[in-house]
Amino acid sequence: MDLSTITSQLTLTNMGMVLQLAILEGLLSFDNALALAALVSGRLSHPEDRKHALLWGIWGAYVIRIGIVFVGVWLMAHEWVKLVAGLYLLWMAVNELWLKKKDGEEEASELHNAEDILNRPDPNGSRRASFKKILGVIVAVEVMDLMFSIDSIAVALAVSDQKWVLITGAIIGILMMRVAAQFFVK
């Protein structure tokens, strides 16, 4: 890729899309940051452990989000995928609005069991969390990042189909979410 190809992509329209994605990512990331901060603060008491979990979490989030961008762009190139995705969204809306069963208690119980597993005390009794516990929090952060990235990528794919615009928006969104999460963790 030569310099003229790169500069031809830096149009006012594309830069506007990046700005639009950054704003949308920021709006979508605020509640995500609160959830990540609660997760990390609730499971790790030492500030250094929290810092490490968020740092490793951000790198994993970048890998996941960029991978999802490439898969999303590939999927959006196929009309049948758009049709199936649209039908799935309609089914979800109908299910959520009219057919939803009273599963709330069962879901709450499953969530509580998962929290118990992740919140087991450190057997060494040390103030710093064990590597295993920090790794568990990092995995939980990555799972949350994956869940949070679905709405962000769906919005991004509606704005543009250019990979560099989507990846730039994703990078800015993840960075905004992490800055906010670090603010809430303190």
N, C-alpha and C. Protein backbone atom coordinates (compact mmCIF):
# COMPACT_ATOMS: atom_id res chain seq x y z
N MET A 1 0.85 -1.16 0.00
CA MET A 1 0.00 0.00 0.00
C MET A 1 0.90 1.23 0.00
N ASP A 2 0.73 2.09 -0.98
CA ASP A 2 1.57 3.28 -1.07
C ASP A 2 0.89 4.48 -0.42
N LEU A 3 1.65 5.57 -0.32
CA LEU A 3 1.18 6.77 0.37
C LEU A 3 -0.03 7.39 -0.30
N SER A 4 -0.10 7.35 -1.63
CA SER A 4 -1.24 7.94 -2.32
C SER A 4 -2.54 7.18 -2.03
N THR A 5 -2.44 5.86 -1.86
CA THR A 5 -3.62 5.07 -1.51
C THR A 5 -4.10 5.43 -0.11
N ILE A 6 -3.16 5.58 0.79
CA ILE A 6 -3.52 5.94 2.16
C ILE A 6 -4.16 7.32 2.21
N THR A 7 -3.54 8.29 1.56
CA THR A 7 -4.08 9.65 1.60
C THR A 7 -5.42 9.76 0.88
N SER A 8 -5.66 8.90 -0.11
CA SER A 8 -6.96 8.94 -0.80
C SER A 8 -8.08 8.46 0.12
N GLN A 9 -7.76 7.68 1.12
CA GLN A 9 -8.76 7.19 2.08
C GLN A 9 -9.08 8.22 3.17
N LEU A 10 -8.18 9.17 3.36
CA LEU A 10 -8.37 10.17 4.41
C LEU A 10 -9.23 11.33 3.92
N THR A 11 -10.44 11.00 3.53
CA THR A 11 -11.36 12.03 3.05
C THR A 11 -12.13 12.62 4.23
N LEU A 12 -12.74 13.74 3.99
CA LEU A 12 -13.55 14.38 5.02
C LEU A 12 -14.71 13.47 5.44
N THR A 13 -15.29 12.77 4.48
CA THR A 13 -16.38 11.84 4.78
C THR A 13 -15.91 10.72 5.69
N ASN A 14 -14.77 10.11 5.35
CA ASN A 14 -14.26 9.01 6.18
C ASN A 14 -13.86 9.50 7.57
N MET A 15 -13.26 10.66 7.65
CA MET A 15 -12.88 11.20 8.96
C MET A 15 -14.14 11.53 9.77
N GLY A 16 -15.18 11.99 9.09
CA GLY A 16 -16.46 12.24 9.77
C GLY A 16 -17.05 10.95 10.31
N MET A 17 -16.91 9.86 9.53
CA MET A 17 -17.40 8.55 10.00
C MET A 17 -16.63 8.09 11.22
N VAL A 18 -15.31 8.31 11.22
CA VAL A 18 -14.51 7.94 12.39
C VAL A 18 -14.97 8.73 13.61
N LEU A 19 -15.19 10.03 13.43
CA LEU A 19 -15.67 10.87 14.54
C LEU A 19 -17.05 10.39 15.01
N GLN A 20 -17.93 10.09 14.07
CA GLN A 20 -19.26 9.60 14.41
C GLN A 20 -19.16 8.28 15.18
N LEU A 21 -18.31 7.38 14.72
CA LEU A 21 -18.13 6.11 15.43
C LEU A 21 -17.54 6.32 16.82
N ALA A 22 -16.60 7.26 16.93
CA ALA A 22 -16.01 7.55 18.24
C ALA A 22 -17.08 8.04 19.22
N ILE A 23 -17.96 8.91 18.75
CA ILE A 23 -19.04 9.41 19.61
C ILE A 23 -20.00 8.28 19.98
N LEU A 24 -20.41 7.49 18.99
CA LEU A 24 -21.31 6.37 19.27
C LEU A 24 -20.67 5.35 20.20
N GLU A 25 -19.40 5.04 19.95
CA GLU A 25 -18.68 4.10 20.81
C GLU A 25 -18.61 4.64 22.24
N GLY A 26 -18.35 5.94 22.36
CA GLY A 26 -18.29 6.56 23.68
C GLY A 26 -19.61 6.44 24.42
N LEU A 27 -20.71 6.70 23.72
CA LEU A 27 -22.03 6.59 24.34
C LEU A 27 -22.35 5.15 24.73
N LEU A 28 -22.02 4.22 23.84
CA LEU A 28 -22.28 2.81 24.14
C LEU A 28 -21.32 2.27 25.21
N SER A 29 -20.16 2.90 25.37
CA SER A 29 -19.14 2.39 26.27
C SER A 29 -19.33 2.82 27.72
N PHE A 30 -20.13 3.86 27.95
CA PHE A 30 -20.24 4.38 29.31
C PHE A 30 -20.78 3.33 30.28
N ASP A 31 -21.90 2.70 29.95
CA ASP A 31 -22.45 1.69 30.85
C ASP A 31 -21.57 0.44 30.88
N ASN A 32 -20.89 0.16 29.77
CA ASN A 32 -19.95 -0.96 29.74
C ASN A 32 -18.81 -0.72 30.72
N ALA A 33 -18.33 0.52 30.77
CA ALA A 33 -17.24 0.87 31.68
C ALA A 33 -17.67 0.69 33.13
N LEU A 34 -18.89 1.07 33.45
CA LEU A 34 -19.40 0.86 34.81
C LEU A 34 -19.43 -0.62 35.16
N ALA A 35 -19.88 -1.44 34.22
CA ALA A 35 -19.95 -2.88 34.46
C ALA A 35 -18.55 -3.48 34.64
N LEU A 36 -17.60 -3.06 33.79
CA LEU A 36 -16.23 -3.57 33.92
C LEU A 36 -15.60 -3.12 35.24
N ALA A 37 -15.83 -1.87 35.62
CA ALA A 37 -15.29 -1.37 36.88
C ALA A 37 -15.85 -2.16 38.06
N ALA A 38 -17.15 -2.43 38.02
CA ALA A 38 -17.77 -3.20 39.10
C ALA A 38 -17.20 -4.62 39.14
N LEU A 39 -17.00 -5.22 37.98
CA LEU A 39 -16.45 -6.56 37.90
C LEU A 39 -15.05 -6.60 38.50
N VAL A 40 -14.19 -5.71 38.05
CA VAL A 40 -12.79 -5.71 38.50
C VAL A 40 -12.70 -5.32 39.98
N SER A 41 -13.41 -4.28 40.39
CA SER A 41 -13.37 -3.84 41.79
C SER A 41 -13.95 -4.89 42.73
N GLY A 42 -14.99 -5.57 42.28
CA GLY A 42 -15.64 -6.56 43.13
C GLY A 42 -14.82 -7.82 43.32
N ARG A 43 -13.93 -8.11 42.40
CA ARG A 43 -13.18 -9.36 42.48
C ARG A 43 -11.72 -9.18 42.87
N LEU A 44 -11.19 -7.99 42.68
CA LEU A 44 -9.79 -7.74 43.01
C LEU A 44 -9.70 -6.54 43.95
N SER A 45 -9.09 -6.74 45.11
CA SER A 45 -9.04 -5.65 46.08
C SER A 45 -7.78 -4.80 45.95
N HIS A 46 -6.71 -5.36 45.46
CA HIS A 46 -5.45 -4.62 45.38
C HIS A 46 -5.42 -3.76 44.11
N PRO A 47 -5.04 -2.48 44.23
CA PRO A 47 -5.02 -1.59 43.05
C PRO A 47 -4.13 -2.09 41.92
N GLU A 48 -3.00 -2.71 42.24
CA GLU A 48 -2.11 -3.23 41.19
C GLU A 48 -2.78 -4.37 40.43
N ASP A 49 -3.50 -5.21 41.15
CA ASP A 49 -4.21 -6.32 40.49
C ASP A 49 -5.27 -5.78 39.55
N ARG A 50 -5.99 -4.74 39.99
CA ARG A 50 -7.01 -4.13 39.14
C ARG A 50 -6.38 -3.55 37.88
N LYS A 51 -5.25 -2.88 38.07
CA LYS A 51 -4.55 -2.27 36.94
C LYS A 51 -4.13 -3.33 35.93
N HIS A 52 -3.59 -4.43 36.42
CA HIS A 52 -3.14 -5.51 35.53
C HIS A 52 -4.32 -6.14 34.79
N ALA A 53 -5.42 -6.36 35.50
CA ALA A 53 -6.60 -6.97 34.86
C ALA A 53 -7.13 -6.06 33.76
N LEU A 54 -7.20 -4.76 34.01
CA LEU A 54 -7.70 -3.84 32.98
C LEU A 54 -6.72 -3.72 31.81
N LEU A 55 -5.41 -3.75 32.12
CA LEU A 55 -4.41 -3.64 31.05
C LEU A 55 -4.46 -4.85 30.12
N TRP A 56 -4.45 -6.05 30.71
CA TRP A 56 -4.53 -7.25 29.87
C TRP A 56 -5.88 -7.34 29.18
N GLY A 57 -6.90 -6.88 29.86
CA GLY A 57 -8.23 -6.88 29.28
C GLY A 57 -8.33 -6.01 28.05
N ILE A 58 -7.64 -4.86 28.06
CA ILE A 58 -7.71 -3.96 26.91
C ILE A 58 -7.04 -4.59 25.69
N TRP A 59 -5.93 -5.28 25.88
CA TRP A 59 -5.26 -5.92 24.74
C TRP A 59 -6.12 -7.03 24.16
N GLY A 60 -6.73 -7.81 25.02
CA GLY A 60 -7.64 -8.84 24.53
C GLY A 60 -8.84 -8.25 23.82
N ALA A 61 -9.34 -7.13 24.34
CA ALA A 61 -10.49 -6.47 23.70
C ALA A 61 -10.13 -6.00 22.30
N TYR A 62 -8.92 -5.48 22.13
CA TYR A 62 -8.50 -5.04 20.79
C TYR A 62 -8.49 -6.22 19.81
N VAL A 63 -7.92 -7.33 20.24
CA VAL A 63 -7.85 -8.51 19.37
C VAL A 63 -9.26 -9.00 19.03
N ILE A 64 -10.11 -9.10 20.04
CA ILE A 64 -11.48 -9.57 19.81
C ILE A 64 -12.23 -8.63 18.88
N ARG A 65 -12.18 -7.33 19.17
CA ARG A 65 -12.96 -6.36 18.40
C ARG A 65 -12.50 -6.30 16.95
N ILE A 66 -11.19 -6.30 16.72
CA ILE A 66 -10.68 -6.26 15.35
C ILE A 66 -11.07 -7.53 14.60
N GLY A 67 -10.99 -8.67 15.28
CA GLY A 67 -11.44 -9.92 14.66
C GLY A 67 -12.91 -9.87 14.29
N ILE A 68 -13.73 -9.32 15.17
CA ILE A 68 -15.17 -9.21 14.89
C ILE A 68 -15.42 -8.26 13.73
N VAL A 69 -14.62 -7.19 13.62
CA VAL A 69 -14.77 -6.26 12.49
C VAL A 69 -14.56 -7.01 11.17
N PHE A 70 -13.49 -7.79 11.07
CA PHE A 70 -13.22 -8.52 9.83
C PHE A 70 -14.33 -9.53 9.52
N VAL A 71 -14.78 -10.25 10.54
CA VAL A 71 -15.88 -11.20 10.33
C VAL A 71 -17.15 -10.45 9.94
N GLY A 72 -17.43 -9.33 10.61
CA GLY A 72 -18.63 -8.55 10.30
C GLY A 72 -18.64 -8.00 8.88
N VAL A 73 -17.49 -7.48 8.44
CA VAL A 73 -17.40 -6.96 7.06
C VAL A 73 -17.62 -8.09 6.07
N TRP A 74 -17.02 -9.25 6.33
CA TRP A 74 -17.21 -10.39 5.44
C TRP A 74 -18.68 -10.83 5.42
N LEU A 75 -19.29 -10.90 6.59
CA LEU A 75 -20.69 -11.32 6.66
C LEU A 75 -21.62 -10.33 5.95
N MET A 76 -21.36 -9.04 6.09
CA MET A 76 -22.24 -8.03 5.50
C MET A 76 -22.13 -8.01 3.97
N ALA A 77 -21.12 -8.66 3.43
CA ALA A 77 -20.98 -8.74 1.97
C ALA A 77 -21.93 -9.78 1.37
N HIS A 78 -22.57 -10.57 2.21
CA HIS A 78 -23.47 -11.64 1.75
C HIS A 78 -24.91 -11.29 2.10
N GLU A 79 -25.74 -11.19 1.09
CA GLU A 79 -27.14 -10.80 1.28
C GLU A 79 -27.91 -11.79 2.16
N TRP A 80 -27.64 -13.08 2.02
CA TRP A 80 -28.37 -14.06 2.80
C TRP A 80 -28.09 -13.90 4.29
N VAL A 81 -26.89 -13.46 4.64
CA VAL A 81 -26.55 -13.25 6.05
C VAL A 81 -27.38 -12.09 6.60
N LYS A 82 -27.52 -11.03 5.80
CA LYS A 82 -28.34 -9.89 6.23
C LYS A 82 -29.79 -10.33 6.45
N LEU A 83 -30.30 -11.18 5.56
CA LEU A 83 -31.68 -11.67 5.68
C LEU A 83 -31.84 -12.51 6.95
N VAL A 84 -30.93 -13.45 7.17
CA VAL A 84 -31.00 -14.30 8.36
C VAL A 84 -30.85 -13.45 9.62
N ALA A 85 -29.92 -12.51 9.63
CA ALA A 85 -29.72 -11.64 10.80
C ALA A 85 -30.96 -10.80 11.06
N GLY A 86 -31.57 -10.27 10.01
CA GLY A 86 -32.78 -9.48 10.17
C GLY A 86 -33.93 -10.31 10.74
N LEU A 87 -34.09 -11.53 10.23
CA LEU A 87 -35.14 -12.42 10.75
C LEU A 87 -34.87 -12.78 12.21
N TYR A 88 -33.61 -13.01 12.53
CA TYR A 88 -33.25 -13.31 13.92
C TYR A 88 -33.58 -12.13 14.83
N LEU A 89 -33.26 -10.91 14.40
CA LEU A 89 -33.58 -9.73 15.21
C LEU A 89 -35.08 -9.57 15.39
N LEU A 90 -35.85 -9.83 14.35
CA LEU A 90 -37.31 -9.78 14.47
C LEU A 90 -37.81 -10.82 15.47
N TRP A 91 -37.28 -12.04 15.37
CA TRP A 91 -37.66 -13.10 16.30
C TRP A 91 -37.31 -12.70 17.74
N MET A 92 -36.12 -12.13 17.94
CA MET A 92 -35.72 -11.70 19.28
C MET A 92 -36.67 -10.63 19.82
N ALA A 93 -37.03 -9.67 18.97
CA ALA A 93 -37.93 -8.60 19.40
C ALA A 93 -39.30 -9.16 19.79
N VAL A 94 -39.85 -10.04 18.95
CA VAL A 94 -41.15 -10.65 19.25
C VAL A 94 -41.05 -11.48 20.53
N ASN A 95 -40.00 -12.25 20.65
CA ASN A 95 -39.80 -13.08 21.84
C ASN A 95 -39.68 -12.22 23.09
N GLU A 96 -38.93 -11.15 23.02
CA GLU A 96 -38.71 -10.28 24.17
C GLU A 96 -39.98 -9.54 24.57
N LEU A 97 -40.72 -9.06 23.58
CA LEU A 97 -41.89 -8.23 23.87
C LEU A 97 -43.15 -9.03 24.21
N TRP A 98 -43.36 -10.18 23.55
CA TRP A 98 -44.64 -10.87 23.71
C TRP A 98 -44.53 -12.30 24.23
N LEU A 99 -43.44 -12.98 23.96
CA LEU A 99 -43.37 -14.39 24.30
C LEU A 99 -42.47 -14.70 25.49
N LYS A 100 -41.92 -13.68 26.12
CA LYS A 100 -40.95 -13.88 27.19
C LYS A 100 -41.59 -14.64 28.36
N LYS A 101 -40.89 -15.67 28.80
CA LYS A 101 -41.34 -16.46 29.94
C LYS A 101 -40.75 -15.86 31.21
N LYS A 102 -41.21 -16.33 32.32
CA LYS A 102 -40.75 -15.84 33.62
C LYS A 102 -39.50 -16.62 34.03
N ASP A 103 -38.37 -16.38 33.34
CA ASP A 103 -37.12 -17.09 33.63
C ASP A 103 -36.20 -16.28 34.51
N GLY A 104 -36.61 -15.14 34.98
CA GLY A 104 -35.74 -14.23 35.71
C GLY A 104 -35.09 -14.87 36.92
N GLU A 105 -35.87 -15.66 37.69
CA GLU A 105 -35.31 -16.26 38.90
C GLU A 105 -34.24 -17.28 38.55
N GLU A 106 -34.46 -18.07 37.50
CA GLU A 106 -33.48 -19.08 37.08
C GLU A 106 -32.21 -18.41 36.60
N GLU A 107 -32.33 -17.34 35.80
CA GLU A 107 -31.16 -16.62 35.30
C GLU A 107 -30.39 -15.99 36.45
N ALA A 108 -31.09 -15.42 37.43
CA ALA A 108 -30.42 -14.81 38.57
C ALA A 108 -29.65 -15.86 39.36
N SER A 109 -30.21 -17.06 39.50
CA SER A 109 -29.54 -18.13 40.21
C SER A 109 -28.27 -18.57 39.49
N GLU A 110 -28.33 -18.68 38.14
CA GLU A 110 -27.15 -19.05 37.37
C GLU A 110 -26.07 -17.99 37.49
N LEU A 111 -26.45 -16.72 37.46
CA LEU A 111 -25.48 -15.63 37.60
C LEU A 111 -24.84 -15.68 38.98
N HIS A 112 -25.62 -15.95 40.01
CA HIS A 112 -25.09 -16.02 41.36
C HIS A 112 -24.07 -17.16 41.48
N ASN A 113 -24.36 -18.32 40.88
CA ASN A 113 -23.42 -19.44 40.91
C ASN A 113 -22.11 -19.08 40.22
N ALA A 114 -22.18 -18.39 39.08
CA ALA A 114 -20.97 -17.98 38.38
C ALA A 114 -20.17 -17.00 39.22
N GLU A 115 -20.84 -16.08 39.90
CA GLU A 115 -20.13 -15.13 40.76
C GLU A 115 -19.46 -15.84 41.92
N ASP A 116 -20.12 -16.85 42.50
CA ASP A 116 -19.52 -17.60 43.60
C ASP A 116 -18.22 -18.26 43.17
N ILE A 117 -18.21 -18.82 41.97
CA ILE A 117 -17.00 -19.48 41.47
C ILE A 117 -15.87 -18.47 41.31
N LEU A 118 -16.17 -17.30 40.73
CA LEU A 118 -15.13 -16.30 40.51
C LEU A 118 -14.70 -15.60 41.79
N ASN A 119 -15.55 -15.57 42.81
CA ASN A 119 -15.25 -14.83 44.03
C ASN A 119 -14.68 -15.70 45.14
N ARG A 120 -14.25 -16.91 44.83
CA ARG A 120 -13.66 -17.75 45.86
C ARG A 120 -12.44 -17.04 46.45
N PRO A 121 -12.28 -17.14 47.77
CA PRO A 121 -11.14 -16.45 48.39
C PRO A 121 -9.81 -17.07 47.97
N ASP A 122 -8.76 -16.27 48.02
CA ASP A 122 -7.43 -16.74 47.70
C ASP A 122 -6.99 -17.71 48.80
N PRO A 123 -6.64 -18.97 48.46
CA PRO A 123 -6.28 -19.95 49.48
C PRO A 123 -5.02 -19.58 50.25
N ASN A 124 -4.15 -18.77 49.67
CA ASN A 124 -2.93 -18.36 50.35
C ASN A 124 -3.20 -17.26 51.37
N GLY A 125 -4.37 -16.64 51.30
CA GLY A 125 -4.71 -15.57 52.24
C GLY A 125 -3.92 -14.30 52.03
N SER A 126 -3.24 -14.17 50.91
CA SER A 126 -2.43 -12.97 50.68
C SER A 126 -3.32 -11.81 50.28
N ARG A 127 -2.79 -10.61 50.46
CA ARG A 127 -3.54 -9.41 50.10
C ARG A 127 -3.61 -9.28 48.58
N ARG A 128 -2.55 -9.65 47.89
CA ARG A 128 -2.57 -9.63 46.43
C ARG A 128 -3.26 -10.89 45.96
N ALA A 129 -4.00 -10.75 44.90
CA ALA A 129 -4.71 -11.90 44.36
C ALA A 129 -3.73 -12.86 43.69
N SER A 130 -4.10 -14.12 43.67
CA SER A 130 -3.27 -15.11 43.01
C SER A 130 -3.35 -14.91 41.50
N PHE A 131 -2.36 -15.47 40.81
CA PHE A 131 -2.35 -15.39 39.35
C PHE A 131 -3.63 -16.00 38.78
N LYS A 132 -4.06 -17.10 39.38
CA LYS A 132 -5.26 -17.78 38.91
C LYS A 132 -6.49 -16.88 39.03
N LYS A 133 -6.58 -16.14 40.13
CA LYS A 133 -7.73 -15.26 40.33
C LYS A 133 -7.68 -14.09 39.34
N ILE A 134 -6.50 -13.50 39.16
CA ILE A 134 -6.36 -12.40 38.19
C ILE A 134 -6.70 -12.90 36.79
N LEU A 135 -6.21 -14.09 36.45
CA LEU A 135 -6.52 -14.67 35.14
C LEU A 135 -8.02 -14.89 34.99
N GLY A 136 -8.67 -15.33 36.04
CA GLY A 136 -10.13 -15.50 36.00
C GLY A 136 -10.85 -14.19 35.75
N VAL A 137 -10.37 -13.12 36.38
CA VAL A 137 -10.97 -11.79 36.17
C VAL A 137 -10.71 -11.33 34.74
N ILE A 138 -9.50 -11.56 34.23
CA ILE A 138 -9.19 -11.17 32.85
C ILE A 138 -10.10 -11.91 31.88
N VAL A 139 -10.30 -13.20 32.10
CA VAL A 139 -11.21 -13.97 31.23
C VAL A 139 -12.63 -13.40 31.32
N ALA A 140 -13.07 -13.06 32.53
CA ALA A 140 -14.41 -12.47 32.69
C ALA A 140 -14.50 -11.13 31.98
N VAL A 141 -13.42 -10.33 32.05
CA VAL A 141 -13.39 -9.04 31.35
C VAL A 141 -13.48 -9.27 29.84
N GLU A 142 -12.76 -10.27 29.33
CA GLU A 142 -12.80 -10.56 27.89
C GLU A 142 -14.18 -11.01 27.45
N VAL A 143 -14.84 -11.83 28.26
CA VAL A 143 -16.20 -12.26 27.91
C VAL A 143 -17.13 -11.06 27.89
N MET A 144 -16.98 -10.17 28.87
CA MET A 144 -17.81 -8.95 28.88
C MET A 144 -17.49 -8.09 27.66
N ASP A 145 -16.21 -7.97 27.32
CA ASP A 145 -15.82 -7.20 26.12
C ASP A 145 -16.47 -7.78 24.88
N LEU A 146 -16.48 -9.09 24.79
CA LEU A 146 -17.10 -9.75 23.63
C LEU A 146 -18.59 -9.43 23.57
N MET A 147 -19.26 -9.51 24.71
CA MET A 147 -20.69 -9.20 24.74
C MET A 147 -20.94 -7.73 24.41
N PHE A 148 -20.11 -6.84 24.96
CA PHE A 148 -20.28 -5.41 24.72
C PHE A 148 -19.94 -5.02 23.30
N SER A 149 -19.07 -5.77 22.66
CA SER A 149 -18.65 -5.38 21.31
C SER A 149 -19.71 -5.67 20.27
N ILE A 150 -20.65 -6.54 20.57
CA ILE A 150 -21.67 -6.89 19.58
C ILE A 150 -22.51 -5.67 19.19
N ASP A 151 -22.98 -4.90 20.18
CA ASP A 151 -23.78 -3.73 19.83
C ASP A 151 -22.93 -2.67 19.15
N SER A 152 -21.70 -2.51 19.61
CA SER A 152 -20.82 -1.50 19.01
C SER A 152 -20.49 -1.84 17.56
N ILE A 153 -20.19 -3.09 17.29
CA ILE A 153 -19.86 -3.49 15.92
C ILE A 153 -21.08 -3.41 15.03
N ALA A 154 -22.25 -3.76 15.55
CA ALA A 154 -23.48 -3.64 14.75
C ALA A 154 -23.71 -2.18 14.35
N VAL A 155 -23.51 -1.27 15.29
CA VAL A 155 -23.64 0.16 14.98
C VAL A 155 -22.58 0.58 13.98
N ALA A 156 -21.36 0.13 14.19
CA ALA A 156 -20.26 0.50 13.29
C ALA A 156 -20.51 0.01 11.87
N LEU A 157 -21.00 -1.22 11.73
CA LEU A 157 -21.27 -1.77 10.40
C LEU A 157 -22.40 -1.02 9.70
N ALA A 158 -23.28 -0.42 10.47
CA ALA A 158 -24.34 0.40 9.88
C ALA A 158 -23.79 1.73 9.36
N VAL A 159 -22.68 2.18 9.93
CA VAL A 159 -22.08 3.46 9.55
C VAL A 159 -21.17 3.32 8.34
N SER A 160 -20.36 2.26 8.30
CA SER A 160 -19.36 2.13 7.24
C SER A 160 -19.05 0.67 6.98
N ASP A 161 -18.50 0.41 5.79
CA ASP A 161 -18.04 -0.94 5.48
C ASP A 161 -16.53 -0.96 5.25
N GLN A 162 -15.87 0.14 5.54
CA GLN A 162 -14.42 0.22 5.36
C GLN A 162 -13.73 -0.24 6.64
N LYS A 163 -12.89 -1.25 6.49
CA LYS A 163 -12.26 -1.86 7.66
C LYS A 163 -11.47 -0.86 8.49
N TRP A 164 -10.70 0.02 7.85
CA TRP A 164 -9.87 0.93 8.63
C TRP A 164 -10.73 1.90 9.43
N VAL A 165 -11.87 2.31 8.90
CA VAL A 165 -12.77 3.20 9.64
C VAL A 165 -13.35 2.45 10.84
N LEU A 166 -13.77 1.21 10.63
CA LEU A 166 -14.34 0.40 11.70
C LEU A 166 -13.31 0.09 12.78
N ILE A 167 -12.10 -0.26 12.37
CA ILE A 167 -11.06 -0.58 13.34
C ILE A 167 -10.66 0.66 14.13
N THR A 168 -10.53 1.80 13.45
CA THR A 168 -10.20 3.04 14.16
C THR A 168 -11.29 3.38 15.17
N GLY A 169 -12.55 3.26 14.76
CA GLY A 169 -13.65 3.50 15.68
C GLY A 169 -13.63 2.54 16.86
N ALA A 170 -13.32 1.27 16.59
CA ALA A 170 -13.25 0.26 17.66
C ALA A 170 -12.12 0.58 18.64
N ILE A 171 -10.97 0.97 18.11
CA ILE A 171 -9.83 1.31 18.97
C ILE A 171 -10.18 2.49 19.87
N ILE A 172 -10.79 3.51 19.29
CA ILE A 172 -11.18 4.68 20.08
C ILE A 172 -12.22 4.29 21.13
N GLY A 173 -13.20 3.47 20.74
CA GLY A 173 -14.23 3.05 21.67
C GLY A 173 -13.69 2.25 22.84
N ILE A 174 -12.78 1.32 22.57
CA ILE A 174 -12.19 0.52 23.64
C ILE A 174 -11.36 1.40 24.56
N LEU A 175 -10.61 2.32 23.97
CA LEU A 175 -9.80 3.23 24.78
C LEU A 175 -10.69 4.09 25.68
N MET A 176 -11.80 4.60 25.13
CA MET A 176 -12.72 5.40 25.93
C MET A 176 -13.33 4.58 27.06
N MET A 177 -13.68 3.32 26.77
CA MET A 177 -14.27 2.45 27.79
C MET A 177 -13.26 2.18 28.90
N ARG A 178 -12.00 1.94 28.54
CA ARG A 178 -10.99 1.65 29.55
C ARG A 178 -10.67 2.87 30.41
N VAL A 179 -10.59 4.04 29.78
CA VAL A 179 -10.33 5.26 30.56
C VAL A 179 -11.46 5.47 31.57
N ALA A 180 -12.69 5.30 31.11
CA ALA A 180 -13.83 5.45 32.01
C ALA A 180 -13.81 4.38 33.10
N ALA A 181 -13.49 3.14 32.74
CA ALA A 181 -13.45 2.05 33.72
C ALA A 181 -12.39 2.33 34.78
N GLN A 182 -11.21 2.81 34.37
CA GLN A 182 -10.16 3.13 35.33
C GLN A 182 -10.60 4.24 36.26
N PHE A 183 -11.35 5.21 35.73
CA PHE A 183 -11.87 6.29 36.56
C PHE A 183 -12.84 5.74 37.60
N PHE A 184 -13.72 4.81 37.19
CA PHE A 184 -14.71 4.26 38.11
C PHE A 184 -14.09 3.28 39.10
N VAL A 185 -12.98 2.63 38.75
CA VAL A 185 -12.34 1.67 39.63
C VAL A 185 -11.71 2.37 40.83
N LYS A 186 -11.23 3.58 40.63
CA LYS A 186 -10.55 4.31 41.73
C LYS A 186 -11.48 4.69 42.79
